[in-house]
């Protein structure tokens, strides 16, 4: 009898943890893409954190954006592409952000909010909704909403690559890449 009680008590914490576990993705795209998106964001946040606040206005020359400017551009991109082409609703970002008027901490907080927005949209859509054509997407009549979400990640990767170079130009070792 005591072995049964011991076994039941041993399993109880695991059962309780399973009750608090998040639900499985509501669509197969999230099952495939969700982990990749999560890692991309974690890496992007690490890159954002790596640059000291007093270097957020760094740019290698006047033809390119500042460190903070790249991150703000990514934020606008996430909100803009996701709202215009995926949800087909107004962007939840109420005002245009200006990197030169923001602190490092404010930029990172906005980056986190934008990440949550895209992640929530992705989780709320069904496979059928994601397979629908993105309305009036520039240069393509057959881009799907799923393609737009992948484009958001690719665009983020493009700008994160520039930020890694900015870090190196300032003698800062970038966070270790982990893409898979």
N, C-alpha and C. Protein backbone atom coordinates (compact mmCIF):
# COMPACT_ATOMS: atom_id res chain seq x y z
N UNK A 1 0.81 -1.19 0.00
CA UNK A 1 0.00 0.00 0.00
C UNK A 1 0.86 1.26 0.00
N UNK A 2 1.92 1.29 0.78
CA UNK A 2 2.75 2.49 0.85
C UNK A 2 3.46 2.74 -0.47
N UNK A 3 3.78 1.68 -1.23
CA UNK A 3 4.40 1.88 -2.54
C UNK A 3 3.43 2.59 -3.48
N UNK A 4 2.16 2.23 -3.42
CA UNK A 4 1.16 2.88 -4.28
C UNK A 4 1.01 4.35 -3.91
N UNK A 5 0.99 4.67 -2.64
CA UNK A 5 0.87 6.06 -2.20
C UNK A 5 2.11 6.84 -2.62
N UNK A 6 3.27 6.24 -2.38
CA UNK A 6 4.53 6.89 -2.78
C UNK A 6 4.53 7.17 -4.30
N UNK A 7 4.13 6.18 -5.08
CA UNK A 7 4.09 6.34 -6.54
C UNK A 7 3.11 7.44 -6.94
N UNK A 8 1.95 7.47 -6.31
CA UNK A 8 0.94 8.50 -6.62
C UNK A 8 1.47 9.88 -6.25
N UNK A 9 2.11 10.00 -5.10
CA UNK A 9 2.68 11.29 -4.69
C UNK A 9 3.83 11.70 -5.60
N UNK A 10 4.59 10.73 -6.06
CA UNK A 10 5.69 11.00 -6.98
C UNK A 10 5.17 11.57 -8.30
N UNK A 11 4.07 11.02 -8.81
CA UNK A 11 3.51 11.45 -10.10
C UNK A 11 2.67 12.72 -10.01
N UNK A 12 2.18 13.07 -8.83
CA UNK A 12 1.31 14.23 -8.68
C UNK A 12 1.91 15.53 -9.23
N UNK A 13 3.17 15.88 -8.92
CA UNK A 13 3.72 17.13 -9.47
C UNK A 13 3.75 17.14 -11.00
N UNK A 14 4.06 16.00 -11.59
CA UNK A 14 4.11 15.94 -13.06
C UNK A 14 2.71 16.13 -13.65
N UNK A 15 1.72 15.54 -13.00
CA UNK A 15 0.35 15.72 -13.46
C UNK A 15 -0.07 17.18 -13.35
N UNK A 16 0.28 17.84 -12.25
CA UNK A 16 -0.08 19.24 -12.06
C UNK A 16 0.62 20.14 -13.07
N UNK A 17 1.88 19.84 -13.37
CA UNK A 17 2.60 20.63 -14.38
C UNK A 17 1.95 20.48 -15.74
N UNK A 18 1.51 19.29 -16.06
CA UNK A 18 0.87 19.05 -17.36
C UNK A 18 -0.43 19.85 -17.47
N UNK A 19 -1.11 20.07 -16.36
CA UNK A 19 -2.35 20.84 -16.38
C UNK A 19 -2.09 22.31 -16.73
N UNK A 20 -0.90 22.83 -16.36
CA UNK A 20 -0.55 24.23 -16.63
C UNK A 20 0.16 24.41 -17.96
N UNK A 21 0.45 23.35 -18.65
CA UNK A 21 1.18 23.46 -19.92
C UNK A 21 0.32 24.19 -20.95
N UNK A 22 0.96 25.00 -21.81
CA UNK A 22 0.18 25.69 -22.84
C UNK A 22 -0.46 24.70 -23.80
N UNK A 23 -1.55 25.14 -24.39
CA UNK A 23 -2.22 24.29 -25.37
C UNK A 23 -1.35 24.11 -26.60
N UNK A 24 -1.55 23.01 -27.28
CA UNK A 24 -0.82 22.76 -28.53
C UNK A 24 -1.19 23.83 -29.55
N UNK A 25 -0.31 24.12 -30.47
CA UNK A 25 -0.64 25.12 -31.50
C UNK A 25 -1.96 24.80 -32.19
N UNK A 26 -2.67 25.87 -32.53
CA UNK A 26 -3.98 25.69 -33.14
C UNK A 26 -3.88 25.41 -34.64
N UNK A 27 -2.67 25.46 -35.17
CA UNK A 27 -2.52 25.18 -36.59
C UNK A 27 -1.15 24.55 -36.85
N UNK A 28 -1.02 23.87 -37.96
CA UNK A 28 0.24 23.18 -38.25
C UNK A 28 1.36 24.16 -38.56
N UNK A 29 1.03 25.37 -39.05
CA UNK A 29 2.07 26.36 -39.32
C UNK A 29 2.77 26.75 -38.02
N UNK A 30 2.01 26.99 -36.98
CA UNK A 30 2.61 27.33 -35.69
C UNK A 30 3.47 26.17 -35.19
N UNK A 31 3.00 24.95 -35.41
CA UNK A 31 3.78 23.79 -35.00
C UNK A 31 5.12 23.74 -35.73
N UNK A 32 5.13 24.12 -37.01
CA UNK A 32 6.36 24.11 -37.80
C UNK A 32 7.22 25.35 -37.57
N UNK A 33 6.59 26.50 -37.58
CA UNK A 33 7.29 27.78 -37.63
C UNK A 33 7.47 28.43 -36.27
N UNK A 34 6.60 28.10 -35.33
CA UNK A 34 6.59 28.78 -34.03
C UNK A 34 7.91 28.74 -33.29
N UNK A 35 8.56 27.59 -33.24
CA UNK A 35 9.84 27.48 -32.53
C UNK A 35 10.92 28.30 -33.23
N UNK A 36 10.92 28.28 -34.55
CA UNK A 36 11.89 29.06 -35.32
C UNK A 36 11.68 30.55 -35.05
N UNK A 37 10.44 30.99 -35.06
CA UNK A 37 10.11 32.38 -34.77
C UNK A 37 10.56 32.75 -33.36
N UNK A 38 10.31 31.89 -32.39
CA UNK A 38 10.69 32.16 -31.00
C UNK A 38 12.21 32.31 -30.89
N UNK A 39 12.96 31.42 -31.50
CA UNK A 39 14.43 31.52 -31.44
C UNK A 39 14.92 32.79 -32.13
N UNK A 40 14.30 33.14 -33.25
CA UNK A 40 14.70 34.35 -33.97
C UNK A 40 14.48 35.58 -33.10
N UNK A 41 13.40 35.61 -32.37
CA UNK A 41 13.11 36.76 -31.52
C UNK A 41 14.05 36.79 -30.33
N UNK A 42 14.29 35.65 -29.71
CA UNK A 42 15.22 35.62 -28.58
C UNK A 42 16.59 36.12 -29.01
N UNK A 43 17.04 35.69 -30.18
CA UNK A 43 18.33 36.12 -30.70
C UNK A 43 18.31 37.62 -31.00
N UNK A 44 17.23 38.10 -31.59
CA UNK A 44 17.10 39.53 -31.90
C UNK A 44 17.14 40.36 -30.62
N UNK A 45 16.46 39.91 -29.58
CA UNK A 45 16.48 40.63 -28.30
C UNK A 45 17.88 40.62 -27.69
N UNK A 46 18.59 39.53 -27.80
CA UNK A 46 19.97 39.48 -27.30
C UNK A 46 20.86 40.47 -28.06
N UNK A 47 20.67 40.54 -29.37
CA UNK A 47 21.44 41.49 -30.18
C UNK A 47 21.07 42.92 -29.76
N UNK A 48 19.79 43.18 -29.54
CA UNK A 48 19.36 44.52 -29.11
C UNK A 48 19.97 44.89 -27.77
N UNK A 49 20.04 43.92 -26.86
CA UNK A 49 20.62 44.16 -25.53
C UNK A 49 22.14 44.35 -25.58
N UNK A 50 22.80 43.76 -26.55
CA UNK A 50 24.26 43.74 -26.58
C UNK A 50 24.89 45.12 -26.77
N UNK A 51 24.22 45.99 -27.49
CA UNK A 51 24.77 47.33 -27.74
C UNK A 51 24.49 48.23 -26.54
N UNK A 52 25.53 48.90 -26.03
CA UNK A 52 25.30 49.84 -24.93
C UNK A 52 24.34 50.96 -25.35
N UNK A 53 23.60 51.47 -24.40
CA UNK A 53 22.58 52.50 -24.68
C UNK A 53 23.19 53.72 -25.36
N UNK A 54 24.41 54.09 -24.98
CA UNK A 54 25.01 55.30 -25.56
C UNK A 54 25.48 55.09 -27.00
N UNK A 55 25.36 53.87 -27.52
CA UNK A 55 25.74 53.59 -28.91
C UNK A 55 24.53 53.30 -29.79
N UNK A 56 23.31 53.50 -29.26
CA UNK A 56 22.13 53.24 -30.06
C UNK A 56 21.98 54.21 -31.23
N UNK A 57 22.72 55.32 -31.18
CA UNK A 57 22.69 56.26 -32.30
C UNK A 57 23.87 56.04 -33.25
N UNK A 58 24.63 54.95 -33.04
CA UNK A 58 25.77 54.64 -33.91
C UNK A 58 25.29 54.24 -35.30
N UNK A 59 26.01 54.75 -36.30
CA UNK A 59 25.83 54.32 -37.69
C UNK A 59 27.20 54.44 -38.35
N UNK A 60 27.54 53.48 -39.21
CA UNK A 60 28.87 53.52 -39.83
C UNK A 60 29.04 54.68 -40.81
N UNK A 61 27.95 55.15 -41.39
CA UNK A 61 28.00 56.33 -42.25
C UNK A 61 26.59 56.91 -42.35
N UNK A 62 26.49 58.07 -42.95
CA UNK A 62 25.21 58.78 -43.00
C UNK A 62 24.18 58.14 -43.94
N UNK A 63 24.60 57.20 -44.76
CA UNK A 63 23.68 56.58 -45.71
C UNK A 63 22.84 55.46 -45.11
N UNK A 64 23.17 55.04 -43.91
CA UNK A 64 22.47 53.93 -43.29
C UNK A 64 21.85 54.36 -41.97
N UNK A 65 20.93 53.55 -41.48
CA UNK A 65 20.22 53.86 -40.25
C UNK A 65 21.10 53.61 -39.03
N UNK A 66 20.69 54.18 -37.91
CA UNK A 66 21.38 53.95 -36.65
C UNK A 66 21.02 52.56 -36.11
N UNK A 67 21.74 52.15 -35.07
CA UNK A 67 21.45 50.88 -34.42
C UNK A 67 19.99 50.86 -33.95
N UNK A 68 19.61 51.88 -33.19
CA UNK A 68 18.23 51.97 -32.72
C UNK A 68 17.25 52.11 -33.87
N UNK A 69 17.65 52.81 -34.92
CA UNK A 69 16.79 52.99 -36.08
C UNK A 69 16.46 51.68 -36.77
N UNK A 70 17.44 50.78 -36.85
CA UNK A 70 17.17 49.45 -37.43
C UNK A 70 16.11 48.72 -36.62
N UNK A 71 16.24 48.78 -35.29
CA UNK A 71 15.28 48.08 -34.44
C UNK A 71 13.88 48.68 -34.54
N UNK A 72 13.79 50.00 -34.59
CA UNK A 72 12.49 50.65 -34.74
C UNK A 72 11.89 50.29 -36.11
N UNK A 73 12.73 50.23 -37.13
CA UNK A 73 12.24 49.83 -38.46
C UNK A 73 11.67 48.41 -38.41
N UNK A 74 12.32 47.51 -37.70
CA UNK A 74 11.83 46.14 -37.55
C UNK A 74 10.47 46.15 -36.84
N UNK A 75 10.33 46.96 -35.81
CA UNK A 75 9.06 47.06 -35.09
C UNK A 75 7.95 47.51 -36.04
N UNK A 76 8.21 48.58 -36.80
CA UNK A 76 7.21 49.06 -37.76
C UNK A 76 6.87 47.98 -38.79
N UNK A 77 7.88 47.25 -39.23
CA UNK A 77 7.68 46.19 -40.21
C UNK A 77 6.77 45.11 -39.65
N UNK A 78 7.02 44.68 -38.42
CA UNK A 78 6.20 43.63 -37.83
C UNK A 78 4.74 44.06 -37.75
N UNK A 79 4.52 45.24 -37.20
CA UNK A 79 3.15 45.73 -37.09
C UNK A 79 2.53 45.96 -38.46
N UNK A 80 3.27 46.60 -39.35
CA UNK A 80 2.73 46.97 -40.65
C UNK A 80 2.36 45.78 -41.50
N UNK A 81 3.31 44.87 -41.70
CA UNK A 81 3.03 43.71 -42.54
C UNK A 81 1.96 42.81 -41.94
N UNK A 82 2.06 42.60 -40.63
CA UNK A 82 1.12 41.69 -39.99
C UNK A 82 -0.30 42.26 -40.00
N UNK A 83 -0.44 43.54 -39.70
CA UNK A 83 -1.79 44.11 -39.67
C UNK A 83 -2.35 44.31 -41.07
N UNK A 84 -1.55 44.81 -41.98
CA UNK A 84 -2.06 45.11 -43.32
C UNK A 84 -2.38 43.85 -44.13
N UNK A 85 -1.48 42.86 -44.05
CA UNK A 85 -1.62 41.71 -44.95
C UNK A 85 -2.08 40.42 -44.28
N UNK A 86 -1.97 40.33 -42.96
CA UNK A 86 -2.37 39.09 -42.30
C UNK A 86 -3.73 39.27 -41.61
N UNK A 87 -3.83 40.22 -40.71
CA UNK A 87 -5.12 40.41 -40.02
C UNK A 87 -6.07 41.29 -40.82
N UNK A 88 -5.53 42.08 -41.73
CA UNK A 88 -6.31 43.04 -42.53
C UNK A 88 -7.07 44.01 -41.62
N UNK A 89 -6.41 44.42 -40.56
CA UNK A 89 -6.97 45.38 -39.61
C UNK A 89 -5.98 46.52 -39.43
N UNK A 90 -6.42 47.56 -38.75
CA UNK A 90 -5.52 48.66 -38.45
C UNK A 90 -4.43 48.18 -37.52
N UNK A 91 -3.26 48.77 -37.66
CA UNK A 91 -2.14 48.41 -36.80
C UNK A 91 -2.42 48.83 -35.36
N UNK A 92 -2.08 47.99 -34.41
CA UNK A 92 -2.25 48.39 -33.00
C UNK A 92 -1.22 49.43 -32.57
N UNK A 93 -0.21 49.67 -33.40
CA UNK A 93 0.78 50.70 -33.10
C UNK A 93 0.15 52.05 -33.46
N UNK A 94 -0.14 52.84 -32.45
CA UNK A 94 -0.93 54.05 -32.66
C UNK A 94 -0.13 55.22 -33.23
N UNK A 95 1.13 55.32 -32.92
CA UNK A 95 1.95 56.43 -33.43
C UNK A 95 3.24 55.89 -34.01
N UNK A 96 3.78 56.61 -34.94
CA UNK A 96 5.05 56.23 -35.56
C UNK A 96 6.16 56.47 -34.56
N UNK A 97 6.95 55.45 -34.32
CA UNK A 97 8.06 55.56 -33.36
C UNK A 97 9.25 56.25 -34.03
N UNK A 98 10.00 56.97 -33.24
CA UNK A 98 11.21 57.64 -33.73
C UNK A 98 12.36 57.24 -32.82
N UNK A 99 13.30 56.49 -33.37
CA UNK A 99 14.41 55.96 -32.58
C UNK A 99 15.16 57.06 -31.85
N UNK A 100 15.33 58.20 -32.51
CA UNK A 100 16.11 59.28 -31.90
C UNK A 100 15.41 59.90 -30.68
N UNK A 101 14.13 59.60 -30.50
CA UNK A 101 13.38 60.10 -29.35
C UNK A 101 13.15 59.03 -28.30
N UNK A 102 13.78 57.87 -28.48
CA UNK A 102 13.55 56.75 -27.58
C UNK A 102 14.86 56.30 -26.93
N UNK A 103 14.72 55.74 -25.74
CA UNK A 103 15.87 55.14 -25.07
C UNK A 103 16.01 53.68 -25.53
N UNK A 104 17.13 53.10 -25.24
CA UNK A 104 17.35 51.67 -25.53
C UNK A 104 16.24 50.84 -24.86
N UNK A 105 15.97 51.15 -23.62
CA UNK A 105 14.96 50.38 -22.87
C UNK A 105 13.59 50.50 -23.55
N UNK A 106 13.21 51.68 -24.00
CA UNK A 106 11.92 51.87 -24.66
C UNK A 106 11.85 51.09 -25.98
N UNK A 107 12.94 51.12 -26.73
CA UNK A 107 12.98 50.39 -28.00
C UNK A 107 12.81 48.89 -27.76
N UNK A 108 13.52 48.38 -26.78
CA UNK A 108 13.43 46.94 -26.49
C UNK A 108 12.03 46.57 -26.00
N UNK A 109 11.42 47.41 -25.18
CA UNK A 109 10.05 47.14 -24.74
C UNK A 109 9.08 47.13 -25.92
N UNK A 110 9.23 48.07 -26.86
CA UNK A 110 8.37 48.08 -28.05
C UNK A 110 8.63 46.86 -28.92
N UNK A 111 9.88 46.44 -29.00
CA UNK A 111 10.23 45.24 -29.75
C UNK A 111 9.52 44.02 -29.16
N UNK A 112 9.51 43.92 -27.85
CA UNK A 112 8.83 42.81 -27.19
C UNK A 112 7.32 42.85 -27.45
N UNK A 113 6.73 44.04 -27.39
CA UNK A 113 5.28 44.16 -27.65
C UNK A 113 4.95 43.76 -29.09
N UNK A 114 5.78 44.20 -30.02
CA UNK A 114 5.55 43.85 -31.43
C UNK A 114 5.69 42.35 -31.64
N UNK A 115 6.67 41.74 -30.99
CA UNK A 115 6.85 40.29 -31.07
C UNK A 115 5.60 39.58 -30.55
N UNK A 116 5.07 40.04 -29.43
CA UNK A 116 3.86 39.43 -28.87
C UNK A 116 2.68 39.57 -29.82
N UNK A 117 2.59 40.72 -30.47
CA UNK A 117 1.51 40.94 -31.43
C UNK A 117 1.56 39.92 -32.56
N UNK A 118 2.72 39.79 -33.20
CA UNK A 118 2.85 38.85 -34.32
C UNK A 118 2.62 37.42 -33.84
N UNK A 119 3.17 37.09 -32.69
CA UNK A 119 3.01 35.73 -32.16
C UNK A 119 1.54 35.43 -31.87
N UNK A 120 0.83 36.37 -31.29
CA UNK A 120 -0.59 36.17 -30.99
C UNK A 120 -1.38 35.98 -32.28
N UNK A 121 -1.12 36.84 -33.26
CA UNK A 121 -1.82 36.71 -34.55
C UNK A 121 -1.57 35.32 -35.13
N UNK A 122 -0.33 34.89 -35.12
CA UNK A 122 0.03 33.59 -35.69
C UNK A 122 -0.72 32.46 -35.00
N UNK A 123 -0.81 32.52 -33.69
CA UNK A 123 -1.47 31.47 -32.92
C UNK A 123 -2.99 31.47 -33.09
N UNK A 124 -3.56 32.62 -33.39
CA UNK A 124 -5.02 32.71 -33.50
C UNK A 124 -5.56 32.32 -34.87
N UNK A 125 -4.69 32.20 -35.85
CA UNK A 125 -5.16 31.91 -37.20
C UNK A 125 -5.15 30.42 -37.49
N UNK A 126 -6.10 29.99 -38.27
CA UNK A 126 -6.17 28.59 -38.68
C UNK A 126 -5.31 28.39 -39.93
N UNK A 127 -5.06 27.14 -40.26
CA UNK A 127 -4.32 26.84 -41.49
C UNK A 127 -5.03 27.42 -42.71
N UNK A 128 -6.36 27.34 -42.70
CA UNK A 128 -7.12 27.86 -43.84
C UNK A 128 -6.95 29.37 -43.96
N UNK A 129 -6.99 30.08 -42.85
CA UNK A 129 -6.80 31.53 -42.88
C UNK A 129 -5.39 31.89 -43.37
N UNK A 130 -4.41 31.14 -42.91
CA UNK A 130 -3.02 31.42 -43.31
C UNK A 130 -2.76 31.07 -44.77
N UNK A 131 -3.55 30.18 -45.33
CA UNK A 131 -3.39 29.82 -46.74
C UNK A 131 -4.07 30.82 -47.67
N UNK A 132 -4.85 31.72 -47.11
CA UNK A 132 -5.54 32.73 -47.92
C UNK A 132 -4.54 33.72 -48.51
N UNK A 133 -4.90 34.26 -49.64
CA UNK A 133 -4.05 35.26 -50.30
C UNK A 133 -3.96 36.52 -49.45
N UNK A 134 -2.78 37.09 -49.40
CA UNK A 134 -2.59 38.38 -48.73
C UNK A 134 -3.13 39.46 -49.66
N UNK A 135 -3.98 40.33 -49.17
CA UNK A 135 -4.62 41.31 -50.04
C UNK A 135 -3.64 42.36 -50.58
N UNK A 136 -3.60 42.48 -51.89
CA UNK A 136 -2.81 43.53 -52.54
C UNK A 136 -1.36 43.59 -52.08
N UNK A 137 -0.74 42.42 -51.92
CA UNK A 137 0.66 42.43 -51.50
C UNK A 137 1.54 42.90 -52.65
N UNK A 138 2.44 43.80 -52.36
CA UNK A 138 3.29 44.44 -53.37
C UNK A 138 4.00 43.40 -54.24
N UNK A 139 3.78 43.51 -55.52
CA UNK A 139 4.54 42.71 -56.47
C UNK A 139 4.15 41.25 -56.57
N UNK A 140 3.13 40.83 -55.87
CA UNK A 140 2.76 39.42 -55.91
C UNK A 140 1.26 39.27 -55.74
N UNK A 141 0.66 38.55 -56.67
CA UNK A 141 -0.77 38.29 -56.57
C UNK A 141 -1.06 36.98 -55.84
N UNK A 142 -0.02 36.21 -55.55
CA UNK A 142 -0.29 34.91 -54.94
C UNK A 142 0.44 34.68 -53.62
N UNK A 143 0.88 35.74 -52.96
CA UNK A 143 1.49 35.58 -51.64
C UNK A 143 0.39 35.29 -50.63
N UNK A 144 0.60 34.27 -49.81
CA UNK A 144 -0.36 33.92 -48.78
C UNK A 144 0.00 34.64 -47.48
N UNK A 145 -0.90 34.58 -46.53
CA UNK A 145 -0.65 35.18 -45.23
C UNK A 145 0.49 34.46 -44.51
N UNK A 146 0.60 33.18 -44.75
CA UNK A 146 1.71 32.41 -44.18
C UNK A 146 3.04 32.92 -44.75
N UNK A 147 3.07 33.21 -46.03
CA UNK A 147 4.28 33.75 -46.66
C UNK A 147 4.65 35.10 -46.04
N UNK A 148 3.66 35.91 -45.72
CA UNK A 148 3.92 37.21 -45.09
C UNK A 148 4.60 37.01 -43.74
N UNK A 149 4.14 36.05 -42.96
CA UNK A 149 4.77 35.78 -41.66
C UNK A 149 6.22 35.31 -41.84
N UNK A 150 6.47 34.51 -42.85
CA UNK A 150 7.85 34.09 -43.11
C UNK A 150 8.69 35.28 -43.59
N UNK A 151 8.08 36.16 -44.36
CA UNK A 151 8.78 37.37 -44.81
C UNK A 151 9.15 38.25 -43.62
N UNK A 152 8.27 38.35 -42.64
CA UNK A 152 8.57 39.13 -41.44
C UNK A 152 9.83 38.59 -40.78
N UNK A 153 9.92 37.27 -40.67
CA UNK A 153 11.12 36.68 -40.06
C UNK A 153 12.35 36.93 -40.91
N UNK A 154 12.24 36.79 -42.22
CA UNK A 154 13.39 37.03 -43.11
C UNK A 154 13.85 38.48 -43.03
N UNK A 155 12.92 39.40 -42.99
CA UNK A 155 13.26 40.82 -42.90
C UNK A 155 13.97 41.12 -41.58
N UNK A 156 13.51 40.47 -40.52
CA UNK A 156 14.16 40.61 -39.21
C UNK A 156 15.60 40.11 -39.27
N UNK A 157 15.78 38.97 -39.91
CA UNK A 157 17.13 38.40 -40.05
C UNK A 157 18.04 39.35 -40.81
N UNK A 158 17.54 39.96 -41.86
CA UNK A 158 18.30 40.93 -42.65
C UNK A 158 18.81 42.07 -41.76
N UNK A 159 17.93 42.66 -40.98
CA UNK A 159 18.33 43.79 -40.15
C UNK A 159 19.18 43.35 -38.96
N UNK A 160 18.90 42.18 -38.42
CA UNK A 160 19.73 41.68 -37.32
C UNK A 160 21.16 41.47 -37.79
N UNK A 161 21.33 41.03 -39.05
CA UNK A 161 22.68 40.88 -39.61
C UNK A 161 23.43 42.20 -39.63
N UNK A 162 22.73 43.28 -40.00
CA UNK A 162 23.36 44.60 -39.98
C UNK A 162 23.75 44.98 -38.55
N UNK A 163 22.89 44.67 -37.60
CA UNK A 163 23.17 45.01 -36.20
C UNK A 163 24.38 44.24 -35.67
N UNK A 164 24.54 43.01 -36.10
CA UNK A 164 25.72 42.24 -35.70
C UNK A 164 26.99 42.92 -36.20
N UNK A 165 26.95 43.43 -37.42
CA UNK A 165 28.11 44.15 -37.96
C UNK A 165 28.36 45.41 -37.15
N UNK A 166 27.31 46.15 -36.80
CA UNK A 166 27.47 47.36 -35.98
C UNK A 166 28.12 47.01 -34.64
N UNK A 167 27.71 45.90 -34.05
CA UNK A 167 28.33 45.48 -32.79
C UNK A 167 29.82 45.24 -32.98
N UNK A 168 30.18 44.49 -34.01
CA UNK A 168 31.59 44.18 -34.26
C UNK A 168 32.40 45.44 -34.54
N UNK A 169 31.80 46.40 -35.26
CA UNK A 169 32.50 47.65 -35.53
C UNK A 169 32.78 48.44 -34.26
N UNK A 170 32.03 48.15 -33.21
CA UNK A 170 32.23 48.81 -31.92
C UNK A 170 32.99 47.94 -30.93
N UNK A 171 33.59 46.87 -31.42
CA UNK A 171 34.39 45.99 -30.57
C UNK A 171 33.58 45.14 -29.62
N UNK A 172 32.32 44.92 -29.94
CA UNK A 172 31.43 44.13 -29.08
C UNK A 172 31.18 42.78 -29.74
N UNK A 173 31.44 41.74 -28.99
CA UNK A 173 31.19 40.39 -29.51
C UNK A 173 29.68 40.14 -29.50
N UNK A 174 29.11 39.82 -30.67
CA UNK A 174 27.66 39.58 -30.71
C UNK A 174 27.28 38.27 -30.03
N UNK A 175 26.01 38.17 -29.64
CA UNK A 175 25.55 36.90 -29.07
C UNK A 175 25.76 35.77 -30.06
N UNK A 176 25.91 34.58 -29.53
CA UNK A 176 26.13 33.41 -30.36
C UNK A 176 24.88 33.08 -31.16
N UNK A 177 25.04 32.86 -32.46
CA UNK A 177 23.91 32.53 -33.32
C UNK A 177 23.35 31.15 -32.99
N UNK A 178 22.06 31.06 -33.01
CA UNK A 178 21.38 29.78 -32.86
C UNK A 178 20.10 29.85 -33.67
N UNK A 179 20.14 29.37 -34.86
CA UNK A 179 19.00 29.49 -35.74
C UNK A 179 18.13 28.26 -35.83
N UNK A 180 18.54 27.18 -35.26
CA UNK A 180 17.74 25.96 -35.36
C UNK A 180 17.77 25.22 -34.06
